């Protein structure tokens, strides 16, 4: 499965990775870099509203446990798990960016291999229309 990412998100995430000192680079950052390199990049206005991107709100189900999470994908400086805001640099953020509602994503997270079903995606562009 090839992730789809907007040009703006690509530039923001790429800059974030490049600006971090080597001492702060994690395994997930390497995975994110590979995801960025393999992603189909599209103009912002051409990215489907059902695709997880920076600032997306989404609901995902762990198919192994049946647990459902409602999360908001954000840049690291504003990540706060108590508010369901996860960083793009987190293992789950890396796993899900660029994938669309309805997809089943298989990824190795710190707790082991997971199958995650993306149940719902709402982007800030959609919220502004409400």
C-alpha atoms as a PDB file:
ATOM      1  CA  UNK A   1       0.000   0.000   0.000  1.00  0.00           C
ATOM      2  CA  UNK A   2       1.346   3.362  -1.010  1.00  0.00           C
ATOM      3  CA  UNK A   3       0.526   6.327   1.227  1.00  0.00           C
ATOM      4  CA  UNK A   4      -0.827   9.503  -0.364  1.00  0.00           C
ATOM      5  CA  UNK A   5       0.372  12.794   1.079  1.00  0.00           C
ATOM      6  CA  UNK A   6      -0.149  16.462   0.276  1.00  0.00           C
ATOM      7  CA  UNK A   7       2.757  18.623  -0.855  1.00  0.00           C
ATOM      8  CA  UNK A   8       2.326  20.844   2.216  1.00  0.00           C
ATOM      9  CA  UNK A   9       2.428  17.904   4.635  1.00  0.00           C
ATOM     10  CA  UNK A  10       5.427  16.444   2.802  1.00  0.00           C
ATOM     11  CA  UNK A  11       7.374  19.701   3.157  1.00  0.00           C
ATOM     12  CA  UNK A  12       6.383  20.176   6.817  1.00  0.00           C
ATOM     13  CA  UNK A  13       7.299  16.638   7.838  1.00  0.00           C
ATOM     14  CA  UNK A  14      10.483  16.568   5.775  1.00  0.00           C
ATOM     15  CA  UNK A  15      11.635  19.848   7.394  1.00  0.00           C
ATOM     16  CA  UNK A  16      10.789  18.505  10.839  1.00  0.00           C
ATOM     17  CA  UNK A  17      12.936  15.421  10.274  1.00  0.00           C
ATOM     18  CA  UNK A  18      15.838  17.373   8.798  1.00  0.00           C
ATOM     19  CA  UNK A  19      15.844  19.921  11.636  1.00  0.00           C
ATOM     20  CA  UNK A  20      16.111  17.377  14.442  1.00  0.00           C
ATOM     21  CA  UNK A  21      19.588  16.655  15.777  1.00  0.00           C
ATOM     22  CA  UNK A  22      20.895  13.134  15.184  1.00  0.00           C
ATOM     23  CA  UNK A  23      20.601  12.391  18.914  1.00  0.00           C
ATOM     24  CA  UNK A  24      16.805  12.800  18.698  1.00  0.00           C
ATOM     25  CA  UNK A  25      16.292  10.628  15.635  1.00  0.00           C
ATOM     26  CA  UNK A  26      14.389   7.446  16.366  1.00  0.00           C
ATOM     27  CA  UNK A  27      13.576   4.270  14.489  1.00  0.00           C
ATOM     28  CA  UNK A  28      10.141   5.730  13.757  1.00  0.00           C
ATOM     29  CA  UNK A  29      11.724   8.744  12.084  1.00  0.00           C
ATOM     30  CA  UNK A  30      13.569   6.403   9.724  1.00  0.00           C
ATOM     31  CA  UNK A  31      10.280   4.661   8.972  1.00  0.00           C
ATOM     32  CA  UNK A  32       8.579   8.007   8.405  1.00  0.00           C
ATOM     33  CA  UNK A  33      11.361   9.058   6.033  1.00  0.00           C
ATOM     34  CA  UNK A  34      10.829   5.838   4.045  1.00  0.00           C
ATOM     35  CA  UNK A  35       7.067   6.450   3.995  1.00  0.00           C
ATOM     36  CA  UNK A  36       7.632   9.980   2.683  1.00  0.00           C
ATOM     37  CA  UNK A  37       9.983   8.702  -0.008  1.00  0.00           C
ATOM     38  CA  UNK A  38       7.510   6.062  -1.194  1.00  0.00           C
ATOM     39  CA  UNK A  39       4.389   8.248  -0.915  1.00  0.00           C
ATOM     40  CA  UNK A  40       2.410   9.550  -3.839  1.00  0.00           C
ATOM     41  CA  UNK A  41       2.595  13.332  -3.407  1.00  0.00           C
ATOM     42  CA  UNK A  42      -0.357  15.360  -4.623  1.00  0.00           C
ATOM     43  CA  UNK A  43      -1.412  19.001  -4.577  1.00  0.00           C
ATOM     44  CA  UNK A  44      -3.203  19.884  -1.353  1.00  0.00           C
ATOM     45  CA  UNK A  45      -6.535  20.480  -3.070  1.00  0.00           C
ATOM     46  CA  UNK A  46      -6.354  17.075  -4.786  1.00  0.00           C
ATOM     47  CA  UNK A  47      -5.895  15.077  -1.577  1.00  0.00           C
ATOM     48  CA  UNK A  48      -9.087  13.214  -0.715  1.00  0.00           C
ATOM     49  CA  UNK A  49     -10.877  14.314   2.438  1.00  0.00           C
ATOM     50  CA  UNK A  50     -10.920  10.714   3.682  1.00  0.00           C
ATOM     51  CA  UNK A  51      -7.109  10.453   3.891  1.00  0.00           C
ATOM     52  CA  UNK A  52      -5.253  10.902   7.183  1.00  0.00           C
ATOM     53  CA  UNK A  53      -2.979  13.943   7.024  1.00  0.00           C
ATOM     54  CA  UNK A  54      -1.538  16.381   9.533  1.00  0.00           C
ATOM     55  CA  UNK A  55      -4.343  17.805  11.685  1.00  0.00           C
ATOM     56  CA  UNK A  56      -6.750  14.993  10.799  1.00  0.00           C
ATOM     57  CA  UNK A  57      -9.155  13.670  13.382  1.00  0.00           C
ATOM     58  CA  UNK A  58      -9.659   9.961  12.947  1.00  0.00           C
ATOM     59  CA  UNK A  59     -11.029   6.817  14.495  1.00  0.00           C
ATOM     60  CA  UNK A  60      -9.083   3.578  14.224  1.00  0.00           C
ATOM     61  CA  UNK A  61      -9.842   0.075  15.449  1.00  0.00           C
ATOM     62  CA  UNK A  62      -7.217  -2.435  16.574  1.00  0.00           C
ATOM     63  CA  UNK A  63      -8.519  -5.578  14.887  1.00  0.00           C
ATOM     64  CA  UNK A  64      -6.698  -7.823  17.394  1.00  0.00           C
ATOM     65  CA  UNK A  65      -8.165  -6.319  20.552  1.00  0.00           C
ATOM     66  CA  UNK A  66     -11.299  -4.705  19.147  1.00  0.00           C
ATOM     67  CA  UNK A  67     -10.317  -1.453  20.881  1.00  0.00           C
ATOM     68  CA  UNK A  68     -11.299   1.766  19.088  1.00  0.00           C
ATOM     69  CA  UNK A  69      -9.291   4.987  19.427  1.00  0.00           C
ATOM     70  CA  UNK A  70     -10.309   8.515  18.450  1.00  0.00           C
ATOM     71  CA  UNK A  71      -7.203  10.585  17.739  1.00  0.00           C
ATOM     72  CA  UNK A  72      -5.914  13.834  16.230  1.00  0.00           C
ATOM     73  CA  UNK A  73      -2.640  13.709  14.234  1.00  0.00           C
ATOM     74  CA  UNK A  74      -0.430  16.716  15.023  1.00  0.00           C
ATOM     75  CA  UNK A  75       3.136  18.012  14.977  1.00  0.00           C
ATOM     76  CA  UNK A  76       5.252  16.921  17.978  1.00  0.00           C
ATOM     77  CA  UNK A  77       5.194  20.274  19.802  1.00  0.00           C
ATOM     78  CA  UNK A  78       1.431  20.101  20.368  1.00  0.00           C
ATOM     79  CA  UNK A  79       1.089  16.343  20.882  1.00  0.00           C
ATOM     80  CA  UNK A  80      -0.742  15.476  24.111  1.00  0.00           C
ATOM     81  CA  UNK A  81      -2.062  11.970  24.578  1.00  0.00           C
ATOM     82  CA  UNK A  82      -4.393  13.120  27.375  1.00  0.00           C
ATOM     83  CA  UNK A  83      -6.184  15.154  24.663  1.00  0.00           C
ATOM     84  CA  UNK A  84      -5.914  12.338  22.070  1.00  0.00           C
ATOM     85  CA  UNK A  85      -3.355  14.377  20.080  1.00  0.00           C
ATOM     86  CA  UNK A  86      -0.673  12.066  18.699  1.00  0.00           C
ATOM     87  CA  UNK A  87       2.547  13.169  17.075  1.00  0.00           C
ATOM     88  CA  UNK A  88       3.363  12.477  13.458  1.00  0.00           C
ATOM     89  CA  UNK A  89       6.619  11.061  14.887  1.00  0.00           C
ATOM     90  CA  UNK A  90       4.799   8.502  17.051  1.00  0.00           C
ATOM     91  CA  UNK A  91       4.683   4.897  15.825  1.00  0.00           C
ATOM     92  CA  UNK A  92       0.919   5.157  15.237  1.00  0.00           C
ATOM     93  CA  UNK A  93       1.262   8.485  13.420  1.00  0.00           C
ATOM     94  CA  UNK A  94       3.915   7.031  11.124  1.00  0.00           C
ATOM     95  CA  UNK A  95       1.760   3.960  10.489  1.00  0.00           C
ATOM     96  CA  UNK A  96      -1.394   5.832   9.492  1.00  0.00           C
ATOM     97  CA  UNK A  97      -0.469   9.034   7.678  1.00  0.00           C
ATOM     98  CA  UNK A  98      -1.434   8.905   4.023  1.00  0.00           C
ATOM     99  CA  UNK A  99      -3.994   6.122   4.315  1.00  0.00           C
ATOM    100  CA  UNK A 100      -7.735   6.453   3.827  1.00  0.00           C
ATOM    101  CA  UNK A 101     -10.913   5.667   5.649  1.00  0.00           C
ATOM    102  CA  UNK A 102     -11.886   2.010   5.299  1.00  0.00           C
ATOM    103  CA  UNK A 103      -8.313   0.741   4.818  1.00  0.00           C
ATOM    104  CA  UNK A 104      -6.754  -2.017   6.895  1.00  0.00           C
ATOM    105  CA  UNK A 105      -3.155  -1.096   7.739  1.00  0.00           C
ATOM    106  CA  UNK A 106      -0.685  -3.670   9.026  1.00  0.00           C
ATOM    107  CA  UNK A 107       2.238  -2.212  10.951  1.00  0.00           C
ATOM    108  CA  UNK A 108       4.725  -3.227  13.620  1.00  0.00           C
ATOM    109  CA  UNK A 109       4.176  -1.004  16.653  1.00  0.00           C
ATOM    110  CA  UNK A 110       6.128  -1.165  19.941  1.00  0.00           C
ATOM    111  CA  UNK A 111       3.533  -3.634  21.269  1.00  0.00           C
ATOM    112  CA  UNK A 112       4.048  -5.928  18.273  1.00  0.00           C
ATOM    113  CA  UNK A 113       2.407  -6.347  14.873  1.00  0.00           C
ATOM    114  CA  UNK A 114      -1.010  -4.729  14.557  1.00  0.00           C
ATOM    115  CA  UNK A 115      -3.848  -4.679  12.071  1.00  0.00           C
ATOM    116  CA  UNK A 116      -5.564  -1.317  12.225  1.00  0.00           C
ATOM    117  CA  UNK A 117      -8.808  -0.455  10.476  1.00  0.00           C
ATOM    118  CA  UNK A 118      -9.353   3.227   9.740  1.00  0.00           C
ATOM    119  CA  UNK A 119     -13.022   3.731  10.558  1.00  0.00           C
ATOM    120  CA  UNK A 120     -13.452   7.478  10.112  1.00  0.00           C
ATOM    121  CA  UNK A 121     -11.388  10.465   8.978  1.00  0.00           C
ATOM    122  CA  UNK A 122     -12.387  14.093   9.431  1.00  0.00           C
ATOM    123  CA  UNK A 123     -10.027  16.804   8.270  1.00  0.00           C
ATOM    124  CA  UNK A 124      -9.928  20.400   9.442  1.00  0.00           C
ATOM    125  CA  UNK A 125     -11.079  21.513   5.989  1.00  0.00           C
ATOM    126  CA  UNK A 126     -14.275  19.528   6.531  1.00  0.00           C
ATOM    127  CA  UNK A 127     -14.750  20.979  10.039  1.00  0.00           C
ATOM    128  CA  UNK A 128     -14.551  24.519   8.666  1.00  0.00           C
ATOM    129  CA  UNK A 129     -17.508  23.759   6.374  1.00  0.00           C
ATOM    130  CA  UNK A 130     -19.744  22.629   9.268  1.00  0.00           C
END
